[in-house]
Amino acid sequence: DVIVVAACPPDRQLERLTARGLTREDAE
């Protein structure tokens, strides 16, 4: 019935993923 999107800019996604241990290439 309703859609909620949690969002942030892609550079923040990349920052968070690399902080989790992924390489930049894998995160991208």
mmCIF file of all heavy atoms, coordinates in Angstrom:
data_MODEL
# 
_entry.id   MODEL 
# 
loop_
_atom_site.group_PDB 
_atom_site.id 
_atom_site.type_symbol 
_atom_site.label_atom_id 
_atom_site.label_alt_id 
_atom_site.label_comp_id 
_atom_site.label_asym_id 
_atom_site.label_entity_id 
_atom_site.label_seq_id 
_atom_site.pdbx_PDB_ins_code 
_atom_site.Cartn_x 
_atom_site.Cartn_y 
_atom_site.Cartn_z 
_atom_site.occupancy 
_atom_site.B_iso_or_equiv 
_atom_site.pdbx_formal_charge 
_atom_site.auth_seq_id 
_atom_site.auth_comp_id 
_atom_site.auth_asym_id 
_atom_site.auth_atom_id 
_atom_site.pdbx_PDB_model_num 
ATOM 1   N N   . ASP A 1 1  ? 0.812  -1.206 0.000   1.00 0.00 ? 1  ASP A N   1 
ATOM 2   C CA  . ASP A 1 1  ? 0.000  0.000  0.000   1.00 0.00 ? 1  ASP A CA  1 
ATOM 3   C C   . ASP A 1 1  ? 0.850  1.262  0.000   1.00 0.00 ? 1  ASP A C   1 
ATOM 4   O O   . ASP A 1 1  ? 0.469  2.279  -0.577  1.00 0.00 ? 1  ASP A O   1 
ATOM 5   C CB  . ASP A 1 1  ? -0.904 0.024  1.241   1.00 0.00 ? 1  ASP A CB  1 
ATOM 6   C CG  . ASP A 1 1  ? -1.775 -1.207 1.342   1.00 0.00 ? 1  ASP A CG  1 
ATOM 7   O OD1 . ASP A 1 1  ? -2.485 -1.503 0.357   1.00 0.00 ? 1  ASP A OD1 1 
ATOM 8   O OD2 . ASP A 1 1  ? -1.746 -1.885 2.382   1.00 0.00 ? 1  ASP A OD2 1 
ATOM 9   N N   . VAL A 1 2  ? 1.985  1.211  0.683   1.00 0.00 ? 2  VAL A N   1 
ATOM 10  C CA  . VAL A 1 2  ? 2.849  2.381  0.871   1.00 0.00 ? 2  VAL A CA  1 
ATOM 11  C C   . VAL A 1 2  ? 4.295  1.937  0.711   1.00 0.00 ? 2  VAL A C   1 
ATOM 12  O O   . VAL A 1 2  ? 4.667  0.848  1.153   1.00 0.00 ? 2  VAL A O   1 
ATOM 13  C CB  . VAL A 1 2  ? 2.650  3.008  2.277   1.00 0.00 ? 2  VAL A CB  1 
ATOM 14  C CG1 . VAL A 1 2  ? 3.573  4.204  2.471   1.00 0.00 ? 2  VAL A CG1 1 
ATOM 15  C CG2 . VAL A 1 2  ? 1.201  3.411  2.492   1.00 0.00 ? 2  VAL A CG2 1 
ATOM 16  N N   . ILE A 1 3  ? 5.109  2.799  0.094   1.00 0.00 ? 3  ILE A N   1 
ATOM 17  C CA  . ILE A 1 3  ? 6.535  2.512  -0.067  1.00 0.00 ? 3  ILE A CA  1 
ATOM 18  C C   . ILE A 1 3  ? 7.351  3.613  0.591   1.00 0.00 ? 3  ILE A C   1 
ATOM 19  O O   . ILE A 1 3  ? 7.164  4.797  0.320   1.00 0.00 ? 3  ILE A O   1 
ATOM 20  C CB  . ILE A 1 3  ? 6.922  2.400  -1.553  1.00 0.00 ? 3  ILE A CB  1 
ATOM 21  C CG1 . ILE A 1 3  ? 6.198  1.209  -2.186  1.00 0.00 ? 3  ILE A CG1 1 
ATOM 22  C CG2 . ILE A 1 3  ? 8.437  2.240  -1.706  1.00 0.00 ? 3  ILE A CG2 1 
ATOM 23  C CD1 . ILE A 1 3  ? 6.348  1.122  -3.675  1.00 0.00 ? 3  ILE A CD1 1 
ATOM 24  N N   . VAL A 1 4  ? 8.254  3.194  1.474   1.00 0.00 ? 4  VAL A N   1 
ATOM 25  C CA  . VAL A 1 4  ? 9.183  4.106  2.146   1.00 0.00 ? 4  VAL A CA  1 
ATOM 26  C C   . VAL A 1 4  ? 10.586 3.793  1.653   1.00 0.00 ? 4  VAL A C   1 
ATOM 27  O O   . VAL A 1 4  ? 10.994 2.621  1.630   1.00 0.00 ? 4  VAL A O   1 
ATOM 28  C CB  . VAL A 1 4  ? 9.120  3.930  3.679   1.00 0.00 ? 4  VAL A CB  1 
ATOM 29  C CG1 . VAL A 1 4  ? 10.105 4.880  4.365   1.00 0.00 ? 4  VAL A CG1 1 
ATOM 30  C CG2 . VAL A 1 4  ? 7.701  4.161  4.192   1.00 0.00 ? 4  VAL A CG2 1 
ATOM 31  N N   . VAL A 1 5  ? 11.322 4.821  1.259   1.00 0.00 ? 5  VAL A N   1 
ATOM 32  C CA  . VAL A 1 5  ? 12.693 4.630  0.788   1.00 0.00 ? 5  VAL A CA  1 
ATOM 33  C C   . VAL A 1 5  ? 13.658 5.281  1.772   1.00 0.00 ? 5  VAL A C   1 
ATOM 34  O O   . VAL A 1 5  ? 13.521 6.464  2.098   1.00 0.00 ? 5  VAL A O   1 
ATOM 35  C CB  . VAL A 1 5  ? 12.890 5.219  -0.624  1.00 0.00 ? 5  VAL A CB  1 
ATOM 36  C CG1 . VAL A 1 5  ? 14.379 5.270  -0.990  1.00 0.00 ? 5  VAL A CG1 1 
ATOM 37  C CG2 . VAL A 1 5  ? 12.134 4.387  -1.653  1.00 0.00 ? 5  VAL A CG2 1 
ATOM 38  N N   . ALA A 1 6  ? 14.614 4.500  2.257   1.00 0.00 ? 6  ALA A N   1 
ATOM 39  C CA  . ALA A 1 6  ? 15.728 5.025  3.041   1.00 0.00 ? 6  ALA A CA  1 
ATOM 40  C C   . ALA A 1 6  ? 16.846 5.334  2.055   1.00 0.00 ? 6  ALA A C   1 
ATOM 41  O O   . ALA A 1 6  ? 17.268 4.458  1.291   1.00 0.00 ? 6  ALA A O   1 
ATOM 42  C CB  . ALA A 1 6  ? 16.189 3.999  4.070   1.00 0.00 ? 6  ALA A CB  1 
ATOM 43  N N   . ALA A 1 7  ? 17.317 6.580  2.057   1.00 0.00 ? 7  ALA A N   1 
ATOM 44  C CA  . ALA A 1 7  ? 18.230 7.002  0.996   1.00 0.00 ? 7  ALA A CA  1 
ATOM 45  C C   . ALA A 1 7  ? 19.370 7.854  1.530   1.00 0.00 ? 7  ALA A C   1 
ATOM 46  O O   . ALA A 1 7  ? 19.238 8.560  2.540   1.00 0.00 ? 7  ALA A O   1 
ATOM 47  C CB  . ALA A 1 7  ? 17.458 7.801  -0.062  1.00 0.00 ? 7  ALA A CB  1 
ATOM 48  N N   . CYS A 1 8  ? 20.490 7.757  0.834   1.00 0.00 ? 8  CYS A N   1 
ATOM 49  C CA  . CYS A 1 8  ? 21.618 8.653  1.061   1.00 0.00 ? 8  CYS A CA  1 
ATOM 50  C C   . CYS A 1 8  ? 22.386 8.724  -0.256  1.00 0.00 ? 8  CYS A C   1 
ATOM 51  O O   . CYS A 1 8  ? 22.194 7.881  -1.138  1.00 0.00 ? 8  CYS A O   1 
ATOM 52  C CB  . CYS A 1 8  ? 22.511 8.159  2.199   1.00 0.00 ? 8  CYS A CB  1 
ATOM 53  S SG  . CYS A 1 8  ? 23.373 6.612  1.865   1.00 0.00 ? 8  CYS A SG  1 
ATOM 54  N N   . PRO A 1 9  ? 23.245 9.730  -0.448  1.00 0.00 ? 9  PRO A N   1 
ATOM 55  C CA  . PRO A 1 9  ? 23.997 9.824  -1.700  1.00 0.00 ? 9  PRO A CA  1 
ATOM 56  C C   . PRO A 1 9  ? 24.922 8.625  -1.897  1.00 0.00 ? 9  PRO A C   1 
ATOM 57  O O   . PRO A 1 9  ? 25.390 8.019  -0.923  1.00 0.00 ? 9  PRO A O   1 
ATOM 58  C CB  . PRO A 1 9  ? 24.805 11.117 -1.522  1.00 0.00 ? 9  PRO A CB  1 
ATOM 59  C CG  . PRO A 1 9  ? 24.053 11.901 -0.497  1.00 0.00 ? 9  PRO A CG  1 
ATOM 60  C CD  . PRO A 1 9  ? 23.481 10.892 0.440   1.00 0.00 ? 9  PRO A CD  1 
ATOM 61  N N   . PRO A 1 10 ? 25.202 8.265  -3.142  1.00 0.00 ? 10 PRO A N   1 
ATOM 62  C CA  . PRO A 1 10 ? 26.076 7.116  -3.418  1.00 0.00 ? 10 PRO A CA  1 
ATOM 63  C C   . PRO A 1 10 ? 27.448 7.201  -2.756  1.00 0.00 ? 10 PRO A C   1 
ATOM 64  O O   . PRO A 1 10 ? 28.010 6.166  -2.381  1.00 0.00 ? 10 PRO A O   1 
ATOM 65  C CB  . PRO A 1 10 ? 26.190 7.128  -4.946  1.00 0.00 ? 10 PRO A CB  1 
ATOM 66  C CG  . PRO A 1 10 ? 24.888 7.727  -5.399  1.00 0.00 ? 10 PRO A CG  1 
ATOM 67  C CD  . PRO A 1 10 ? 24.581 8.786  -4.381  1.00 0.00 ? 10 PRO A CD  1 
ATOM 68  N N   . ASP A 1 11 ? 27.991 8.401  -2.586  1.00 0.00 ? 11 ASP A N   1 
ATOM 69  C CA  . ASP A 1 11 ? 29.304 8.486  -1.943  1.00 0.00 ? 11 ASP A CA  1 
ATOM 70  C C   . ASP A 1 11 ? 29.236 8.071  -0.472  1.00 0.00 ? 11 ASP A C   1 
ATOM 71  O O   . ASP A 1 11 ? 30.193 7.505  0.065   1.00 0.00 ? 11 ASP A O   1 
ATOM 72  C CB  . ASP A 1 11 ? 29.911 9.883  -2.098  1.00 0.00 ? 11 ASP A CB  1 
ATOM 73  C CG  . ASP A 1 11 ? 29.067 10.983 -1.480  1.00 0.00 ? 11 ASP A CG  1 
ATOM 74  O OD1 . ASP A 1 11 ? 27.858 10.772 -1.260  1.00 0.00 ? 11 ASP A OD1 1 
ATOM 75  O OD2 . ASP A 1 11 ? 29.627 12.074 -1.215  1.00 0.00 ? 11 ASP A OD2 1 
ATOM 76  N N   . ARG A 1 12 ? 28.074 8.298  0.165   1.00 0.00 ? 12 ARG A N   1 
ATOM 77  C CA  . ARG A 1 12 ? 27.900 7.838  1.538   1.00 0.00 ? 12 ARG A CA  1 
ATOM 78  C C   . ARG A 1 12 ? 27.741 6.322  1.578   1.00 0.00 ? 12 ARG A C   1 
ATOM 79  O O   . ARG A 1 12 ? 28.244 5.656  2.481   1.00 0.00 ? 12 ARG A O   1 
ATOM 80  C CB  . ARG A 1 12 ? 26.679 8.507  2.171   1.00 0.00 ? 12 ARG A CB  1 
ATOM 81  C CG  . ARG A 1 12 ? 26.859 9.981  2.462   1.00 0.00 ? 12 ARG A CG  1 
ATOM 82  C CD  . ARG A 1 12 ? 27.778 10.193 3.658   1.00 0.00 ? 12 ARG A CD  1 
ATOM 83  N NE  . ARG A 1 12 ? 27.077 9.922  4.916   1.00 0.00 ? 12 ARG A NE  1 
ATOM 84  C CZ  . ARG A 1 12 ? 27.611 9.305  5.956   1.00 0.00 ? 12 ARG A CZ  1 
ATOM 85  N NH1 . ARG A 1 12 ? 28.849 8.843  5.890   1.00 0.00 ? 12 ARG A NH1 1 
ATOM 86  N NH2 . ARG A 1 12 ? 26.925 9.134  7.070   1.00 0.00 ? 12 ARG A NH2 1 
ATOM 87  N N   . GLN A 1 13 ? 27.028 5.761  0.585   1.00 0.00 ? 13 GLN A N   1 
ATOM 88  C CA  . GLN A 1 13 ? 26.936 4.304  0.497   1.00 0.00 ? 13 GLN A CA  1 
ATOM 89  C C   . GLN A 1 13 ? 28.335 3.699  0.383   1.00 0.00 ? 13 GLN A C   1 
ATOM 90  O O   . GLN A 1 13 ? 28.663 2.718  1.073   1.00 0.00 ? 13 GLN A O   1 
ATOM 91  C CB  . GLN A 1 13 ? 26.122 3.883  -0.733  1.00 0.00 ? 13 GLN A CB  1 
ATOM 92  C CG  . GLN A 1 13 ? 24.642 4.192  -0.682  1.00 0.00 ? 13 GLN A CG  1 
ATOM 93  C CD  . GLN A 1 13 ? 23.958 3.777  -1.974  1.00 0.00 ? 13 GLN A CD  1 
ATOM 94  O OE1 . GLN A 1 13 ? 23.789 4.592  -2.875  1.00 0.00 ? 13 GLN A OE1 1 
ATOM 95  N NE2 . GLN A 1 13 ? 23.576 2.517  -2.073  1.00 0.00 ? 13 GLN A NE2 1 
ATOM 96  N N   . LEU A 1 14 ? 29.152 4.279  -0.490  1.00 0.00 ? 14 LEU A N   1 
ATOM 97  C CA  . LEU A 1 14 ? 30.504 3.775  -0.712  1.00 0.00 ? 14 LEU A CA  1 
ATOM 98  C C   . LEU A 1 14 ? 31.331 3.865  0.567   1.00 0.00 ? 14 LEU A C   1 
ATOM 99  O O   . LEU A 1 14 ? 32.039 2.919  0.937   1.00 0.00 ? 14 LEU A O   1 
ATOM 100 C CB  . LEU A 1 14 ? 31.165 4.583  -1.831  1.00 0.00 ? 14 LEU A CB  1 
ATOM 101 C CG  . LEU A 1 14 ? 32.503 4.092  -2.357  1.00 0.00 ? 14 LEU A CG  1 
ATOM 102 C CD1 . LEU A 1 14 ? 32.376 2.686  -2.915  1.00 0.00 ? 14 LEU A CD1 1 
ATOM 103 C CD2 . LEU A 1 14 ? 33.033 5.051  -3.421  1.00 0.00 ? 14 LEU A CD2 1 
ATOM 104 N N   . GLU A 1 15 ? 31.209 4.970  1.264   1.00 0.00 ? 15 GLU A N   1 
ATOM 105 C CA  . GLU A 1 15 ? 31.940 5.167  2.515   1.00 0.00 ? 15 GLU A CA  1 
ATOM 106 C C   . GLU A 1 15 ? 31.544 4.106  3.552   1.00 0.00 ? 15 GLU A C   1 
ATOM 107 O O   . GLU A 1 15 ? 32.399 3.528  4.235   1.00 0.00 ? 15 GLU A O   1 
ATOM 108 C CB  . GLU A 1 15 ? 31.648 6.566  3.039   1.00 0.00 ? 15 GLU A CB  1 
ATOM 109 C CG  . GLU A 1 15 ? 32.264 6.904  4.383   1.00 0.00 ? 15 GLU A CG  1 
ATOM 110 C CD  . GLU A 1 15 ? 31.817 8.264  4.875   1.00 0.00 ? 15 GLU A CD  1 
ATOM 111 O OE1 . GLU A 1 15 ? 31.619 9.177  4.037   1.00 0.00 ? 15 GLU A OE1 1 
ATOM 112 O OE2 . GLU A 1 15 ? 31.650 8.425  6.101   1.00 0.00 ? 15 GLU A OE2 1 
ATOM 113 N N   . ARG A 1 16 ? 30.262 3.845  3.657   1.00 0.00 ? 16 ARG A N   1 
ATOM 114 C CA  . ARG A 1 16 ? 29.783 2.870  4.643   1.00 0.00 ? 16 ARG A CA  1 
ATOM 115 C C   . ARG A 1 16 ? 30.221 1.453  4.282   1.00 0.00 ? 16 ARG A C   1 
ATOM 116 O O   . ARG A 1 16 ? 30.587 0.666  5.157   1.00 0.00 ? 16 ARG A O   1 
ATOM 117 C CB  . ARG A 1 16 ? 28.257 2.947  4.743   1.00 0.00 ? 16 ARG A CB  1 
ATOM 118 C CG  . ARG A 1 16 ? 27.765 4.238  5.375   1.00 0.00 ? 16 ARG A CG  1 
ATOM 119 C CD  . ARG A 1 16 ? 26.262 4.402  5.225   1.00 0.00 ? 16 ARG A CD  1 
ATOM 120 N NE  . ARG A 1 16 ? 25.782 5.627  5.844   1.00 0.00 ? 16 ARG A NE  1 
ATOM 121 C CZ  . ARG A 1 16 ? 24.531 6.069  5.764   1.00 0.00 ? 16 ARG A CZ  1 
ATOM 122 N NH1 . ARG A 1 16 ? 23.633 5.376  5.072   1.00 0.00 ? 16 ARG A NH1 1 
ATOM 123 N NH2 . ARG A 1 16 ? 24.180 7.198  6.356   1.00 0.00 ? 16 ARG A NH2 1 
ATOM 124 N N   . LEU A 1 17 ? 30.172 1.118  3.001   1.00 0.00 ? 17 LEU A N   1 
ATOM 125 C CA  . LEU A 1 17 ? 30.551 -0.231 2.585   1.00 0.00 ? 17 LEU A CA  1 
ATOM 126 C C   . LEU A 1 17 ? 32.041 -0.488 2.775   1.00 0.00 ? 17 LEU A C   1 
ATOM 127 O O   . LEU A 1 17 ? 32.440 -1.579 3.209   1.00 0.00 ? 17 LEU A O   1 
ATOM 128 C CB  . LEU A 1 17 ? 30.151 -0.462 1.128   1.00 0.00 ? 17 LEU A CB  1 
ATOM 129 C CG  . LEU A 1 17 ? 28.657 -0.619 0.871   1.00 0.00 ? 17 LEU A CG  1 
ATOM 130 C CD1 . LEU A 1 17 ? 28.362 -0.639 -0.622  1.00 0.00 ? 17 LEU A CD1 1 
ATOM 131 C CD2 . LEU A 1 17 ? 28.128 -1.897 1.525   1.00 0.00 ? 17 LEU A CD2 1 
ATOM 132 N N   . THR A 1 18 ? 32.868 0.479  2.462   1.00 0.00 ? 18 THR A N   1 
ATOM 133 C CA  . THR A 1 18 ? 34.310 0.285  2.662   1.00 0.00 ? 18 THR A CA  1 
ATOM 134 C C   . THR A 1 18 ? 34.638 0.231  4.151   1.00 0.00 ? 18 THR A C   1 
ATOM 135 O O   . THR A 1 18 ? 35.566 -0.484 4.558   1.00 0.00 ? 18 THR A O   1 
ATOM 136 C CB  . THR A 1 18 ? 35.122 1.387  1.967   1.00 0.00 ? 18 THR A CB  1 
ATOM 137 O OG1 . THR A 1 18 ? 34.658 2.688  2.392   1.00 0.00 ? 18 THR A OG1 1 
ATOM 138 C CG2 . THR A 1 18 ? 34.990 1.291  0.452   1.00 0.00 ? 18 THR A CG2 1 
ATOM 139 N N   . ALA A 1 19 ? 33.856 0.935  4.972   1.00 0.00 ? 19 ALA A N   1 
ATOM 140 C CA  . ALA A 1 19 ? 34.053 0.849  6.424   1.00 0.00 ? 19 ALA A CA  1 
ATOM 141 C C   . ALA A 1 19 ? 33.707 -0.535 6.949   1.00 0.00 ? 19 ALA A C   1 
ATOM 142 O O   . ALA A 1 19 ? 34.212 -0.964 7.999   1.00 0.00 ? 19 ALA A O   1 
ATOM 143 C CB  . ALA A 1 19 ? 33.211 1.910  7.131   1.00 0.00 ? 19 ALA A CB  1 
ATOM 144 N N   . ARG A 1 20 ? 32.859 -1.261 6.217   1.00 0.00 ? 20 ARG A N   1 
ATOM 145 C CA  . ARG A 1 20 ? 32.509 -2.637 6.599   1.00 0.00 ? 20 ARG A CA  1 
ATOM 146 C C   . ARG A 1 20 ? 33.559 -3.644 6.153   1.00 0.00 ? 20 ARG A C   1 
ATOM 147 O O   . ARG A 1 20 ? 33.444 -4.832 6.438   1.00 0.00 ? 20 ARG A O   1 
ATOM 148 C CB  . ARG A 1 20 ? 31.164 -3.031 5.988   1.00 0.00 ? 20 ARG A CB  1 
ATOM 149 C CG  . ARG A 1 20 ? 29.986 -2.226 6.483   1.00 0.00 ? 20 ARG A CG  1 
ATOM 150 C CD  . ARG A 1 20 ? 28.711 -2.662 5.763   1.00 0.00 ? 20 ARG A CD  1 
ATOM 151 N NE  . ARG A 1 20 ? 27.577 -1.803 6.070   1.00 0.00 ? 20 ARG A NE  1 
ATOM 152 C CZ  . ARG A 1 20 ? 26.373 -1.917 5.506   1.00 0.00 ? 20 ARG A CZ  1 
ATOM 153 N NH1 . ARG A 1 20 ? 26.169 -2.872 4.603   1.00 0.00 ? 20 ARG A NH1 1 
ATOM 154 N NH2 . ARG A 1 20 ? 25.399 -1.094 5.830   1.00 0.00 ? 20 ARG A NH2 1 
ATOM 155 N N   . GLY A 1 21 ? 34.558 -3.183 5.396   1.00 0.00 ? 21 GLY A N   1 
ATOM 156 C CA  . GLY A 1 21 ? 35.625 -4.076 4.987   1.00 0.00 ? 21 GLY A CA  1 
ATOM 157 C C   . GLY A 1 21 ? 35.667 -4.415 3.512   1.00 0.00 ? 21 GLY A C   1 
ATOM 158 O O   . GLY A 1 21 ? 36.572 -5.118 3.062   1.00 0.00 ? 21 GLY A O   1 
ATOM 159 N N   . LEU A 1 22 ? 34.696 -3.932 2.733   1.00 0.00 ? 22 LEU A N   1 
ATOM 160 C CA  . LEU A 1 22 ? 34.727 -4.187 1.297   1.00 0.00 ? 22 LEU A CA  1 
ATOM 161 C C   . LEU A 1 22 ? 35.768 -3.300 0.629   1.00 0.00 ? 22 LEU A C   1 
ATOM 162 O O   . LEU A 1 22 ? 36.024 -2.177 1.068   1.00 0.00 ? 22 LEU A O   1 
ATOM 163 C CB  . LEU A 1 22 ? 33.363 -3.894 0.668   1.00 0.00 ? 22 LEU A CB  1 
ATOM 164 C CG  . LEU A 1 22 ? 32.208 -4.845 1.003   1.00 0.00 ? 22 LEU A CG  1 
ATOM 165 C CD1 . LEU A 1 22 ? 30.955 -4.391 0.276   1.00 0.00 ? 22 LEU A CD1 1 
ATOM 166 C CD2 . LEU A 1 22 ? 32.538 -6.271 0.632   1.00 0.00 ? 22 LEU A CD2 1 
ATOM 167 N N   . THR A 1 23 ? 36.363 -3.793 -0.448  1.00 0.00 ? 23 THR A N   1 
ATOM 168 C CA  . THR A 1 23 ? 37.228 -2.932 -1.245  1.00 0.00 ? 23 THR A CA  1 
ATOM 169 C C   . THR A 1 23 ? 36.358 -1.917 -1.980  1.00 0.00 ? 23 THR A C   1 
ATOM 170 O O   . THR A 1 23 ? 35.152 -2.133 -2.156  1.00 0.00 ? 23 THR A O   1 
ATOM 171 C CB  . THR A 1 23 ? 38.024 -3.738 -2.274  1.00 0.00 ? 23 THR A CB  1 
ATOM 172 O OG1 . THR A 1 23 ? 37.114 -4.297 -3.239  1.00 0.00 ? 23 THR A OG1 1 
ATOM 173 C CG2 . THR A 1 23 ? 38.806 -4.869 -1.601  1.00 0.00 ? 23 THR A CG2 1 
ATOM 174 N N   . ARG A 1 24 ? 36.958 -0.848 -2.414  1.00 0.00 ? 24 ARG A N   1 
ATOM 175 C CA  . ARG A 1 24 ? 36.201 0.165  -3.143  1.00 0.00 ? 24 ARG A CA  1 
ATOM 176 C C   . ARG A 1 24 ? 35.586 -0.437 -4.404  1.00 0.00 ? 24 ARG A C   1 
ATOM 177 O O   . ARG A 1 24 ? 34.431 -0.157 -4.742  1.00 0.00 ? 24 ARG A O   1 
ATOM 178 C CB  . ARG A 1 24 ? 37.100 1.354  -3.507  1.00 0.00 ? 24 ARG A CB  1 
ATOM 179 C CG  . ARG A 1 24 ? 36.360 2.487  -4.214  1.00 0.00 ? 24 ARG A CG  1 
ATOM 180 C CD  . ARG A 1 24 ? 37.289 3.628  -4.581  1.00 0.00 ? 24 ARG A CD  1 
ATOM 181 N NE  . ARG A 1 24 ? 36.535 4.704  -5.227  1.00 0.00 ? 24 ARG A NE  1 
ATOM 182 C CZ  . ARG A 1 24 ? 35.953 5.700  -4.584  1.00 0.00 ? 24 ARG A CZ  1 
ATOM 183 N NH1 . ARG A 1 24 ? 36.040 5.759  -3.260  1.00 0.00 ? 24 ARG A NH1 1 
ATOM 184 N NH2 . ARG A 1 24 ? 35.296 6.630  -5.239  1.00 0.00 ? 24 ARG A NH2 1 
ATOM 185 N N   . GLU A 1 25 ? 36.348 -1.298 -5.082  1.00 0.00 ? 25 GLU A N   1 
ATOM 186 C CA  . GLU A 1 25 ? 35.851 -1.916 -6.311  1.00 0.00 ? 25 GLU A CA  1 
ATOM 187 C C   . GLU A 1 25 ? 34.634 -2.798 -6.025  1.00 0.00 ? 25 GLU A C   1 
ATOM 188 O O   . GLU A 1 25 ? 33.632 -2.735 -6.735  1.00 0.00 ? 25 GLU A O   1 
ATOM 189 C CB  . GLU A 1 25 ? 36.954 -2.741 -6.966  1.00 0.00 ? 25 GLU A CB  1 
ATOM 190 C CG  . GLU A 1 25 ? 36.545 -3.379 -8.285  1.00 0.00 ? 25 GLU A CG  1 
ATOM 191 C CD  . GLU A 1 25 ? 37.663 -4.210 -8.891  1.00 0.00 ? 25 GLU A CD  1 
ATOM 192 O OE1 . GLU A 1 25 ? 38.519 -4.700 -8.120  1.00 0.00 ? 25 GLU A OE1 1 
ATOM 193 O OE2 . GLU A 1 25 ? 37.676 -4.362 -10.121 1.00 0.00 ? 25 GLU A OE2 1 
ATOM 194 N N   . ASP A 1 26 ? 34.715 -3.619 -4.979  1.00 0.00 ? 26 ASP A N   1 
ATOM 195 C CA  . ASP A 1 26 ? 33.588 -4.483 -4.632  1.00 0.00 ? 26 ASP A CA  1 
ATOM 196 C C   . ASP A 1 26 ? 32.376 -3.651 -4.226  1.00 0.00 ? 26 ASP A C   1 
ATOM 197 O O   . ASP A 1 26 ? 31.236 -3.974 -4.580  1.00 0.00 ? 26 ASP A O   1 
ATOM 198 C CB  . ASP A 1 26 ? 33.962 -5.434 -3.493  1.00 0.00 ? 26 ASP A CB  1 
ATOM 199 C CG  . ASP A 1 26 ? 34.825 -6.590 -3.962  1.00 0.00 ? 26 ASP A CG  1 
ATOM 200 O OD1 . ASP A 1 26 ? 34.869 -6.831 -5.188  1.00 0.00 ? 26 ASP A OD1 1 
ATOM 201 O OD2 . ASP A 1 26 ? 35.447 -7.248 -3.108  1.00 0.00 ? 26 ASP A OD2 1 
ATOM 202 N N   . ALA A 1 27 ? 32.613 -2.589 -3.468  1.00 0.00 ? 27 ALA A N   1 
ATOM 203 C CA  . ALA A 1 27 ? 31.515 -1.729 -3.035  1.00 0.00 ? 27 ALA A CA  1 
ATOM 204 C C   . ALA A 1 27 ? 30.824 -1.073 -4.224  1.00 0.00 ? 27 ALA A C   1 
ATOM 205 O O   . ALA A 1 27 ? 29.592 -1.014 -4.296  1.00 0.00 ? 27 ALA A O   1 
ATOM 206 C CB  . ALA A 1 27 ? 32.037 -0.662 -2.073  1.00 0.00 ? 27 ALA A CB  1 
ATOM 207 N N   . GLU A 1 28 ? 31.613 -0.597 -5.171  1.00 0.00 ? 28 GLU A N   1 
ATOM 208 C CA  . GLU A 1 28 ? 31.036 0.044  -6.357  1.00 0.00 ? 28 GLU A CA  1 
ATOM 209 C C   . GLU A 1 28 ? 30.214 -0.945 -7.169  1.00 0.00 ? 28 GLU A C   1 
ATOM 210 O O   . GLU A 1 28 ? 29.148 -0.597 -7.696  1.00 0.00 ? 28 GLU A O   1 
ATOM 211 C CB  . GLU A 1 28 ? 32.151 0.653  -7.206  1.00 0.00 ? 28 GLU A CB  1 
ATOM 212 C CG  . GLU A 1 28 ? 32.780 1.893  -6.578  1.00 0.00 ? 28 GLU A CG  1 
ATOM 213 C CD  . GLU A 1 28 ? 33.974 2.403  -7.367  1.00 0.00 ? 28 GLU A CD  1 
ATOM 214 O OE1 . GLU A 1 28 ? 34.548 1.610  -8.166  1.00 0.00 ? 28 GLU A OE1 1 
ATOM 215 O OE2 . GLU A 1 28 ? 34.342 3.578  -7.178  1.00 0.00 ? 28 GLU A OE2 1 
# 
